[in-house]
All heavy atoms as atom14 arrays in JSON, in Angstrom:
{
  "sequence": "KFYLTTAIDYVNAKPHLGHAYEKVAADCIVRARRAMGEDALFVIGA",
  "atom14_mask": [
    [1, 1, 1, 1, 1, 1, 1, 1, 1, 0, 0, 0, 0, 0],
    [1, 1, 1, 1, 1, 1, 1, 1, 1, 1, 1, 0, 0, 0],
    [1, 1, 1, 1, 1, 1, 1, 1, 1, 1, 1, 1, 0, 0],
    [1, 1, 1, 1, 1, 1, 1, 1, 0, 0, 0, 0, 0, 0],
    [1, 1, 1, 1, 1, 1, 1, 0, 0, 0, 0, 0, 0, 0],
    [1, 1, 1, 1, 1, 1, 1, 0, 0, 0, 0, 0, 0, 0],
    [1, 1, 1, 1, 1, 0, 0, 0, 0, 0, 0, 0, 0, 0],
    [1, 1, 1, 1, 1, 1, 1, 1, 0, 0, 0, 0, 0, 0],
    [1, 1, 1, 1, 1, 1, 1, 1, 0, 0, 0, 0, 0, 0],
    [1, 1, 1, 1, 1, 1, 1, 1, 1, 1, 1, 1, 0, 0],
    [1, 1, 1, 1, 1, 1, 1, 0, 0, 0, 0, 0, 0, 0],
    [1, 1, 1, 1, 1, 1, 1, 1, 0, 0, 0, 0, 0, 0],
    [1, 1, 1, 1, 1, 0, 0, 0, 0, 0, 0, 0, 0, 0],
    [1, 1, 1, 1, 1, 1, 1, 1, 1, 0, 0, 0, 0, 0],
    [1, 1, 1, 1, 1, 1, 1, 0, 0, 0, 0, 0, 0, 0],
    [1, 1, 1, 1, 1, 1, 1, 1, 1, 1, 0, 0, 0, 0],
    [1, 1, 1, 1, 1, 1, 1, 1, 0, 0, 0, 0, 0, 0],
    [1, 1, 1, 1, 0, 0, 0, 0, 0, 0, 0, 0, 0, 0],
    [1, 1, 1, 1, 1, 1, 1, 1, 1, 1, 0, 0, 0, 0],
    [1, 1, 1, 1, 1, 0, 0, 0, 0, 0, 0, 0, 0, 0],
    [1, 1, 1, 1, 1, 1, 1, 1, 1, 1, 1, 1, 0, 0],
    [1, 1, 1, 1, 1, 1, 1, 1, 1, 0, 0, 0, 0, 0],
    [1, 1, 1, 1, 1, 1, 1, 1, 1, 0, 0, 0, 0, 0],
    [1, 1, 1, 1, 1, 1, 1, 0, 0, 0, 0, 0, 0, 0],
    [1, 1, 1, 1, 1, 0, 0, 0, 0, 0, 0, 0, 0, 0],
    [1, 1, 1, 1, 1, 0, 0, 0, 0, 0, 0, 0, 0, 0],
    [1, 1, 1, 1, 1, 1, 1, 1, 0, 0, 0, 0, 0, 0],
    [1, 1, 1, 1, 1, 1, 0, 0, 0, 0, 0, 0, 0, 0],
    [1, 1, 1, 1, 1, 1, 1, 1, 0, 0, 0, 0, 0, 0],
    [1, 1, 1, 1, 1, 1, 1, 0, 0, 0, 0, 0, 0, 0],
    [1, 1, 1, 1, 1, 1, 1, 1, 1, 1, 1, 0, 0, 0],
    [1, 1, 1, 1, 1, 0, 0, 0, 0, 0, 0, 0, 0, 0],
    [1, 1, 1, 1, 1, 1, 1, 1, 1, 1, 1, 0, 0, 0],
    [1, 1, 1, 1, 1, 1, 1, 1, 1, 1, 1, 0, 0, 0],
    [1, 1, 1, 1, 1, 0, 0, 0, 0, 0, 0, 0, 0, 0],
    [1, 1, 1, 1, 1, 1, 1, 1, 0, 0, 0, 0, 0, 0],
    [1, 1, 1, 1, 0, 0, 0, 0, 0, 0, 0, 0, 0, 0],
    [1, 1, 1, 1, 1, 1, 1, 1, 1, 0, 0, 0, 0, 0],
    [1, 1, 1, 1, 1, 1, 1, 1, 0, 0, 0, 0, 0, 0],
    [1, 1, 1, 1, 1, 0, 0, 0, 0, 0, 0, 0, 0, 0],
    [1, 1, 1, 1, 1, 1, 1, 1, 0, 0, 0, 0, 0, 0],
    [1, 1, 1, 1, 1, 1, 1, 1, 1, 1, 1, 0, 0, 0],
    [1, 1, 1, 1, 1, 1, 1, 0, 0, 0, 0, 0, 0, 0],
    [1, 1, 1, 1, 1, 1, 1, 1, 0, 0, 0, 0, 0, 0],
    [1, 1, 1, 1, 0, 0, 0, 0, 0, 0, 0, 0, 0, 0],
    [1, 1, 1, 1, 1, 0, 0, 0, 0, 0, 0, 0, 0, 0]
  ],
  "atom14_positions": [
    [[0.8, -1.19, -0.05], [0.04, -0.01, -0.02], [0.86, 1.27, 0.05], [2.04, 1.28, 0.55], [-0.92, -0.03, 1.19], [-0.28, 0.27, 2.52], [-0.36, 1.78, 2.86], [0.21, 1.96, 4.34], [0.41, 3.35, 4.65], [0.0, 0.0, 0.0], [0.0, 0.0, 0.0], [0.0, 0.0, 0.0], [0.0, 0.0, 0.0], [0.0, 0.0, 0.0]],
    [[0.32, 2.28, -0.54], [1.05, 3.6, -0.53], [-0.08, 4.67, -0.5], [-0.87, 4.84, -1.23], [1.76, 3.77, -1.96], [2.54, 5.03, -2.05], [3.81, 5.14, -1.32], [1.95, 6.02, -2.76], [4.47, 6.34, -1.49], [2.84, 7.25, -2.91], [4.05, 7.39, -2.14], [0.0, 0.0, 0.0], [0.0, 0.0, 0.0], [0.0, 0.0, 0.0]],
    [[0.17, 5.31, 0.69], [-0.83, 6.41, 1.04], [-0.12, 8.0, 1.03], [0.81, 8.09, 1.88], [-1.35, 6.25, 2.49], [-2.3, 7.29, 3.0], [-3.13, 8.13, 2.15], [-2.54, 7.57, 4.45], [-3.96, 9.1, 2.74], [-3.31, 8.47, 4.95], [-3.97, 9.29, 4.09], [-4.83, 10.29, 4.54], [0.0, 0.0, 0.0], [0.0, 0.0, 0.0]],
    [[-0.6, 8.72, 0.2], [0.07, 9.99, -0.04], [-0.91, 11.16, 0.15], [-2.06, 10.91, -0.28], [0.64, 10.2, -1.52], [1.32, 11.43, -1.78], [2.45, 11.28, -2.76], [0.26, 12.37, -2.38], [0.0, 0.0, 0.0], [0.0, 0.0, 0.0], [0.0, 0.0, 0.0], [0.0, 0.0, 0.0], [0.0, 0.0, 0.0], [0.0, 0.0, 0.0]],
    [[-0.61, 12.1, 0.88], [-1.39, 13.34, 1.07], [-0.74, 14.54, 0.61], [0.51, 14.53, 0.59], [-1.83, 13.51, 2.52], [-0.81, 14.01, 3.23], [-2.38, 12.13, 3.16], [0.0, 0.0, 0.0], [0.0, 0.0, 0.0], [0.0, 0.0, 0.0], [0.0, 0.0, 0.0], [0.0, 0.0, 0.0], [0.0, 0.0, 0.0], [0.0, 0.0, 0.0]],
    [[-1.46, 15.6, 0.24], [-0.97, 16.96, 0.02], [-1.39, 17.79, 1.22], [-2.43, 17.44, 1.8], [-1.35, 17.43, -1.26], [-2.82, 17.65, -1.25], [-0.97, 16.54, -2.41], [0.0, 0.0, 0.0], [0.0, 0.0, 0.0], [0.0, 0.0, 0.0], [0.0, 0.0, 0.0], [0.0, 0.0, 0.0], [0.0, 0.0, 0.0], [0.0, 0.0, 0.0]],
    [[-0.97, 18.97, 1.15], [-1.53, 19.96, 2.14], [-2.94, 20.33, 1.81], [-3.25, 20.28, 0.54], [-0.61, 21.22, 2.23], [0.0, 0.0, 0.0], [0.0, 0.0, 0.0], [0.0, 0.0, 0.0], [0.0, 0.0, 0.0], [0.0, 0.0, 0.0], [0.0, 0.0, 0.0], [0.0, 0.0, 0.0], [0.0, 0.0, 0.0], [0.0, 0.0, 0.0]],
    [[-3.78, 20.44, 2.69], [-5.12, 20.88, 2.27], [-5.08, 22.31, 2.08], [-4.39, 23.15, 2.77], [-6.21, 20.54, 3.37], [-5.84, 20.96, 4.75], [-6.4, 19.0, 3.33], [-6.87, 20.71, 5.87], [0.0, 0.0, 0.0], [0.0, 0.0, 0.0], [0.0, 0.0, 0.0], [0.0, 0.0, 0.0], [0.0, 0.0, 0.0], [0.0, 0.0, 0.0]],
    [[-5.87, 22.85, 1.27], [-5.69, 24.3, 0.61], [-6.67, 25.13, 1.43], [-7.81, 24.91, 1.66], [-6.11, 24.34, -0.88], [-5.1, 23.38, -1.73], [-3.95, 23.52, -1.47], [-5.65, 22.79, -2.66], [0.0, 0.0, 0.0], [0.0, 0.0, 0.0], [0.0, 0.0, 0.0], [0.0, 0.0, 0.0], [0.0, 0.0, 0.0], [0.0, 0.0, 0.0]],
    [[-6.03, 26.37, 1.7], [-6.99, 27.48, 2.15], [-7.81, 27.85, 0.97], [-7.29, 27.95, -0.22], [-6.2, 28.65, 2.61], [-5.52, 28.54, 3.84], [-4.12, 28.94, 4.07], [-6.22, 28.07, 5.1], [-3.52, 28.91, 5.24], [-5.59, 28.02, 6.29], [-4.13, 28.32, 6.42], [-3.61, 28.33, 7.63], [0.0, 0.0, 0.0], [0.0, 0.0, 0.0]],
    [[-9.08, 27.97, 1.21], [-10.05, 28.36, 0.15], [-10.53, 29.73, 0.21], [-11.65, 30.1, -0.26], [-11.22, 27.38, 0.19], [-10.91, 25.98, -0.27], [-11.92, 27.33, 1.54], [0.0, 0.0, 0.0], [0.0, 0.0, 0.0], [0.0, 0.0, 0.0], [0.0, 0.0, 0.0], [0.0, 0.0, 0.0], [0.0, 0.0, 0.0], [0.0, 0.0, 0.0]],
    [[-9.67, 30.72, 0.77], [-10.03, 32.12, 0.79], [-9.8, 32.79, -0.61], [-10.12, 33.96, -0.81], [-9.21, 32.83, 1.81], [-7.86, 32.84, 1.73], [-7.21, 31.65, 1.53], [-7.1, 33.89, 1.94], [0.0, 0.0, 0.0], [0.0, 0.0, 0.0], [0.0, 0.0, 0.0], [0.0, 0.0, 0.0], [0.0, 0.0, 0.0], [0.0, 0.0, 0.0]],
    [[-9.12, 32.05, -1.58], [-8.86, 32.61, -2.83], [-8.77, 31.44, -3.81], [-8.64, 30.37, -3.36], [-7.59, 33.36, -2.89], [0.0, 0.0, 0.0], [0.0, 0.0, 0.0], [0.0, 0.0, 0.0], [0.0, 0.0, 0.0], [0.0, 0.0, 0.0], [0.0, 0.0, 0.0], [0.0, 0.0, 0.0], [0.0, 0.0, 0.0], [0.0, 0.0, 0.0]],
    [[-8.87, 31.8, -5.15], [-8.83, 30.86, -6.09], [-7.49, 30.16, -6.2], [-6.4, 30.76, -5.89], [-9.23, 31.44, -7.49], [-10.69, 31.79, -7.69], [-10.94, 32.43, -9.0], [-12.5, 32.9, -9.01], [-12.77, 33.41, -10.38], [0.0, 0.0, 0.0], [0.0, 0.0, 0.0], [0.0, 0.0, 0.0], [0.0, 0.0, 0.0], [0.0, 0.0, 0.0]],
    [[-7.32, 28.83, -6.69], [-6.08, 28.1, -6.9], [-5.31, 28.77, -7.92], [-5.7, 29.26, -8.87], [-6.47, 26.65, -7.21], [-7.8, 26.87, -7.77], [-8.55, 27.94, -7.05], [0.0, 0.0, 0.0], [0.0, 0.0, 0.0], [0.0, 0.0, 0.0], [0.0, 0.0, 0.0], [0.0, 0.0, 0.0], [0.0, 0.0, 0.0], [0.0, 0.0, 0.0]],
    [[-3.94, 28.9, -7.46], [-2.98, 29.42, -8.52], [-1.95, 28.35, -8.85], [-2.08, 27.16, -8.51], [-2.35, 30.7, -7.87], [-1.56, 30.45, -6.54], [-0.57, 29.73, -6.33], [-2.05, 31.01, -5.38], [-0.26, 29.76, -5.06], [-1.11, 30.6, -4.47], [0.0, 0.0, 0.0], [0.0, 0.0, 0.0], [0.0, 0.0, 0.0], [0.0, 0.0, 0.0]],
    [[-0.86, 28.78, -9.47], [0.16, 27.73, -9.92], [0.91, 27.1, -8.83], [1.3, 25.93, -9.12], [1.2, 28.49, -10.85], [2.09, 27.65, -11.79], [1.02, 26.89, -12.87], [2.85, 28.5, -12.6], [0.0, 0.0, 0.0], [0.0, 0.0, 0.0], [0.0, 0.0, 0.0], [0.0, 0.0, 0.0], [0.0, 0.0, 0.0], [0.0, 0.0, 0.0]],
    [[0.96, 27.8, -7.71], [1.66, 27.06, -6.61], [0.76, 25.91, -6.18], [1.31, 24.78, -5.83], [0.0, 0.0, 0.0], [0.0, 0.0, 0.0], [0.0, 0.0, 0.0], [0.0, 0.0, 0.0], [0.0, 0.0, 0.0], [0.0, 0.0, 0.0], [0.0, 0.0, 0.0], [0.0, 0.0, 0.0], [0.0, 0.0, 0.0], [0.0, 0.0, 0.0]],
    [[-0.51, 26.07, -6.08], [-1.44, 24.88, -5.71], [-1.25, 23.79, -6.74], [-1.16, 22.61, -6.47], [-2.83, 25.28, -5.65], [-3.2, 26.3, -4.7], [-3.37, 27.71, -5.02], [-3.42, 26.26, -3.31], [-3.64, 28.34, -3.81], [-3.7, 27.36, -2.89], [0.0, 0.0, 0.0], [0.0, 0.0, 0.0], [0.0, 0.0, 0.0], [0.0, 0.0, 0.0]],
    [[-1.42, 24.26, -8.0], [-1.3, 23.27, -9.14], [0.05, 22.41, -8.94], [0.06, 21.19, -9.32], [-1.2, 24.01, -10.45], [0.0, 0.0, 0.0], [0.0, 0.0, 0.0], [0.0, 0.0, 0.0], [0.0, 0.0, 0.0], [0.0, 0.0, 0.0], [0.0, 0.0, 0.0], [0.0, 0.0, 0.0], [0.0, 0.0, 0.0], [0.0, 0.0, 0.0]],
    [[1.12, 23.01, -8.81], [2.47, 22.31, -8.8], [2.52, 21.28, -7.72], [2.93, 20.05, -8.01], [3.66, 23.27, -8.54], [4.89, 22.74, -8.26], [5.53, 21.89, -9.3], [5.66, 23.05, -7.08], [6.74, 21.28, -9.0], [6.94, 22.38, -6.83], [7.45, 21.5, -7.86], [8.81, 20.96, -7.71], [0.0, 0.0, 0.0], [0.0, 0.0, 0.0]],
    [[1.99, 21.42, -6.64], [1.86, 20.55, -5.55], [1.0, 19.37, -5.8], [1.48, 18.18, -5.74], [1.41, 21.25, -4.22], [1.37, 20.16, -3.06], [1.06, 20.82, -1.68], [1.88, 21.42, -1.18], [-0.08, 20.65, -1.4], [0.0, 0.0, 0.0], [0.0, 0.0, 0.0], [0.0, 0.0, 0.0], [0.0, 0.0, 0.0], [0.0, 0.0, 0.0]],
    [[-0.05, 19.71, -6.48], [-0.94, 18.55, -6.67], [-0.6, 17.7, -7.87], [-0.77, 16.49, -7.91], [-2.44, 19.18, -6.79], [-2.98, 19.9, -5.91], [-2.94, 19.26, -4.48], [-3.54, 20.02, -3.42], [-2.68, 21.23, -2.83], [0.0, 0.0, 0.0], [0.0, 0.0, 0.0], [0.0, 0.0, 0.0], [0.0, 0.0, 0.0], [0.0, 0.0, 0.0]],
    [[0.05, 18.4, -9.04], [0.54, 17.67, -10.04], [1.71, 16.79, -9.66], [1.83, 15.77, -10.13], [0.94, 18.67, -11.25], [1.82, 18.04, -12.29], [-0.25, 19.22, -11.85], [0.0, 0.0, 0.0], [0.0, 0.0, 0.0], [0.0, 0.0, 0.0], [0.0, 0.0, 0.0], [0.0, 0.0, 0.0], [0.0, 0.0, 0.0], [0.0, 0.0, 0.0]],
    [[2.54, 17.38, -8.85], [3.77, 16.4, -8.51], [3.26, 15.3, -7.65], [3.71, 14.07, -7.84], [4.77, 17.4, -7.54], [0.0, 0.0, 0.0], [0.0, 0.0, 0.0], [0.0, 0.0, 0.0], [0.0, 0.0, 0.0], [0.0, 0.0, 0.0], [0.0, 0.0, 0.0], [0.0, 0.0, 0.0], [0.0, 0.0, 0.0], [0.0, 0.0, 0.0]],
    [[2.34, 15.43, -6.68], [1.81, 14.33, -5.88], [1.18, 13.36, -6.92], [1.2, 12.03, -6.67], [0.74, 14.91, -4.86], [0.0, 0.0, 0.0], [0.0, 0.0, 0.0], [0.0, 0.0, 0.0], [0.0, 0.0, 0.0], [0.0, 0.0, 0.0], [0.0, 0.0, 0.0], [0.0, 0.0, 0.0], [0.0, 0.0, 0.0], [0.0, 0.0, 0.0]],
    [[0.38, 13.88, -7.83], [-0.39, 12.89, -8.77], [0.57, 12.07, -9.59], [0.41, 10.9, -9.72], [-1.2, 13.85, -9.78], [-1.88, 12.95, -10.66], [-2.95, 12.33, -10.34], [-1.45, 13.09, -11.98], [0.0, 0.0, 0.0], [0.0, 0.0, 0.0], [0.0, 0.0, 0.0], [0.0, 0.0, 0.0], [0.0, 0.0, 0.0], [0.0, 0.0, 0.0]],
    [[1.65, 12.67, -10.01], [2.83, 12.01, -10.65], [3.34, 10.99, -9.96], [3.64, 9.83, -10.36], [3.87, 12.96, -11.1], [5.24, 12.32, -12.1], [0.0, 0.0, 0.0], [0.0, 0.0, 0.0], [0.0, 0.0, 0.0], [0.0, 0.0, 0.0], [0.0, 0.0, 0.0], [0.0, 0.0, 0.0], [0.0, 0.0, 0.0], [0.0, 0.0, 0.0]],
    [[3.63, 11.16, -8.64], [4.21, 10.19, -7.74], [3.2, 9.03, -7.5], [3.61, 7.82, -7.62], [4.54, 10.78, -6.42], [5.7, 11.86, -6.52], [4.77, 9.83, -5.35], [5.85, 12.71, -5.3], [0.0, 0.0, 0.0], [0.0, 0.0, 0.0], [0.0, 0.0, 0.0], [0.0, 0.0, 0.0], [0.0, 0.0, 0.0], [0.0, 0.0, 0.0]],
    [[2.01, 9.36, -7.33], [0.98, 8.2, -7.12], [0.8, 7.53, -8.48], [0.7, 6.24, -8.35], [-0.28, 8.85, -6.62], [-1.33, 7.77, -6.73], [-0.22, 9.47, -5.28], [0.0, 0.0, 0.0], [0.0, 0.0, 0.0], [0.0, 0.0, 0.0], [0.0, 0.0, 0.0], [0.0, 0.0, 0.0], [0.0, 0.0, 0.0], [0.0, 0.0, 0.0]],
    [[0.7, 8.08, -9.6], [0.64, 7.28, -10.76], [1.81, 6.43, -10.94], [1.63, 5.23, -11.31], [0.52, 8.26, -12.03], [-0.81, 9.11, -12.06], [-0.82, 10.02, -13.31], [-2.03, 10.79, -13.41], [-3.1, 10.38, -14.1], [-3.14, 9.2, -14.76], [-4.19, 11.3, -14.07], [0.0, 0.0, 0.0], [0.0, 0.0, 0.0], [0.0, 0.0, 0.0]],
    [[2.99, 6.93, -10.62], [4.17, 5.97, -10.75], [4.1, 4.83, -9.77], [4.43, 3.66, -10.18], [5.51, 6.84, -10.44], [0.0, 0.0, 0.0], [0.0, 0.0, 0.0], [0.0, 0.0, 0.0], [0.0, 0.0, 0.0], [0.0, 0.0, 0.0], [0.0, 0.0, 0.0], [0.0, 0.0, 0.0], [0.0, 0.0, 0.0], [0.0, 0.0, 0.0]],
    [[3.7, 5.01, -8.61], [3.45, 3.93, -7.68], [2.54, 2.93, -8.04], [2.63, 1.63, -7.84], [3.19, 4.47, -6.24], [4.28, 5.3, -5.63], [5.64, 4.43, -5.39], [6.58, 5.1, -4.76], [7.2, 4.83, -3.54], [6.74, 3.82, -2.88], [8.03, 5.53, -3.0], [0.0, 0.0, 0.0], [0.0, 0.0, 0.0], [0.0, 0.0, 0.0]],
    [[1.45, 3.38, -8.65], [0.42, 2.52, -9.08], [0.93, 1.6, -10.33], [0.66, 0.5, -10.49], [-0.87, 3.23, -9.56], [-1.6, 3.67, -8.47], [-2.99, 4.27, -8.78], [-3.74, 4.52, -7.63], [-4.34, 5.84, -7.34], [-4.32, 6.75, -8.33], [-5.02, 6.0, -6.3], [0.0, 0.0, 0.0], [0.0, 0.0, 0.0], [0.0, 0.0, 0.0]],
    [[1.62, 2.31, -11.21], [2.36, 1.56, -12.31], [3.36, 0.54, -11.8], [3.61, -0.49, -12.53], [3.17, 2.65, -13.26], [0.0, 0.0, 0.0], [0.0, 0.0, 0.0], [0.0, 0.0, 0.0], [0.0, 0.0, 0.0], [0.0, 0.0, 0.0], [0.0, 0.0, 0.0], [0.0, 0.0, 0.0], [0.0, 0.0, 0.0], [0.0, 0.0, 0.0]],
    [[3.92, 0.65, -10.63], [4.8, -0.23, -10.12], [4.07, -1.44, -9.35], [4.55, -2.41, -8.7], [5.79, 0.44, -9.0], [6.71, 1.54, -9.64], [7.54, 2.33, -8.4], [8.17, 3.73, -9.13], [0.0, 0.0, 0.0], [0.0, 0.0, 0.0], [0.0, 0.0, 0.0], [0.0, 0.0, 0.0], [0.0, 0.0, 0.0], [0.0, 0.0, 0.0]],
    [[2.65, -1.33, -9.31], [1.88, -2.31, -8.72], [1.5, -2.15, -7.35], [0.86, -3.03, -6.7], [0.0, 0.0, 0.0], [0.0, 0.0, 0.0], [0.0, 0.0, 0.0], [0.0, 0.0, 0.0], [0.0, 0.0, 0.0], [0.0, 0.0, 0.0], [0.0, 0.0, 0.0], [0.0, 0.0, 0.0], [0.0, 0.0, 0.0], [0.0, 0.0, 0.0]],
    [[1.58, -0.95, -6.77], [1.25, -0.61, -5.43], [-0.21, -0.12, -5.39], [-0.74, 0.37, -6.27], [2.11, 0.4, -4.87], [3.62, -0.12, -4.72], [4.59, 0.92, -4.15], [3.93, 1.82, -3.46], [5.73, 0.81, -4.21], [0.0, 0.0, 0.0], [0.0, 0.0, 0.0], [0.0, 0.0, 0.0], [0.0, 0.0, 0.0], [0.0, 0.0, 0.0]],
    [[-0.96, -0.46, -4.23], [-2.12, -0.01, -4.02], [-2.25, 1.27, -3.32], [-1.7, 1.36, -2.24], [-2.87, -1.08, -3.13], [-4.4, -0.78, -2.8], [-4.89, -0.01, -3.53], [-4.91, -1.4, -1.86], [0.0, 0.0, 0.0], [0.0, 0.0, 0.0], [0.0, 0.0, 0.0], [0.0, 0.0, 0.0], [0.0, 0.0, 0.0], [0.0, 0.0, 0.0]],
    [[-2.45, 2.33, -4.09], [-2.26, 3.68, -3.64], [-3.53, 4.41, -3.28], [-4.56, 4.31, -3.95], [-1.47, 4.49, -4.75], [0.0, 0.0, 0.0], [0.0, 0.0, 0.0], [0.0, 0.0, 0.0], [0.0, 0.0, 0.0], [0.0, 0.0, 0.0], [0.0, 0.0, 0.0], [0.0, 0.0, 0.0], [0.0, 0.0, 0.0], [0.0, 0.0, 0.0]],
    [[-3.35, 5.35, -2.42], [-4.51, 6.17, -1.87], [-3.94, 7.58, -1.95], [-2.91, 7.87, -1.41], [-4.98, 5.75, -0.49], [-6.22, 6.74, -0.01], [-7.38, 6.54, -0.8], [-6.44, 6.55, 1.47], [0.0, 0.0, 0.0], [0.0, 0.0, 0.0], [0.0, 0.0, 0.0], [0.0, 0.0, 0.0], [0.0, 0.0, 0.0], [0.0, 0.0, 0.0]],
    [[-4.59, 8.47, -2.62], [-4.12, 9.82, -2.89], [-5.29, 10.86, -2.31], [-6.31, 10.72, -2.92], [-3.91, 10.05, -4.31], [-3.48, 11.5, -4.75], [-3.03, 12.4, -3.99], [-3.59, 11.78, -6.11], [-2.59, 13.68, -4.3], [-3.25, 13.03, -6.58], [-2.74, 13.97, -5.67], [0.0, 0.0, 0.0], [0.0, 0.0, 0.0], [0.0, 0.0, 0.0]],
    [[-4.84, 11.7, -1.25], [-5.95, 12.47, -0.67], [-5.42, 13.84, -0.72], [-4.27, 14.21, -0.33], [-6.14, 12.09, 0.76], [-7.1, 12.92, 1.57], [-6.62, 10.6, 0.93], [0.0, 0.0, 0.0], [0.0, 0.0, 0.0], [0.0, 0.0, 0.0], [0.0, 0.0, 0.0], [0.0, 0.0, 0.0], [0.0, 0.0, 0.0], [0.0, 0.0, 0.0]],
    [[-6.37, 14.82, -1.19], [-6.16, 16.16, -1.11], [-7.33, 16.79, -0.45], [-8.29, 16.04, 0.2], [-5.88, 16.87, -2.46], [-7.26, 16.8, -3.21], [-4.88, 16.24, -3.29], [-7.35, 17.48, -4.56], [0.0, 0.0, 0.0], [0.0, 0.0, 0.0], [0.0, 0.0, 0.0], [0.0, 0.0, 0.0], [0.0, 0.0, 0.0], [0.0, 0.0, 0.0]],
    [[-7.53, 18.08, -0.22], [-8.69, 18.63, 0.43], [-8.65, 20.05, 0.63], [-7.81, 20.88, 0.06], [0.0, 0.0, 0.0], [0.0, 0.0, 0.0], [0.0, 0.0, 0.0], [0.0, 0.0, 0.0], [0.0, 0.0, 0.0], [0.0, 0.0, 0.0], [0.0, 0.0, 0.0], [0.0, 0.0, 0.0], [0.0, 0.0, 0.0], [0.0, 0.0, 0.0]],
    [[-9.46, 20.54, 1.58], [-9.67, 21.95, 1.81], [-9.66, 22.31, 3.29], [-10.23, 21.5, 4.12], [-11.01, 22.56, 1.17], [0.0, 0.0, 0.0], [0.0, 0.0, 0.0], [0.0, 0.0, 0.0], [0.0, 0.0, 0.0], [0.0, 0.0, 0.0], [0.0, 0.0, 0.0], [0.0, 0.0, 0.0], [0.0, 0.0, 0.0], [0.0, 0.0, 0.0]]
  ]
}
């Protein structure tokens, strides 16, 4: 199993490139782990 989280975002303003970078990087890591055969859980939030 592989459980990855990102920071939950403050929602007092719209998401910007900084939010995007963190989530895209995390998504890339999780996709890679799944491709390696791991059972992955990827959680983000607010």
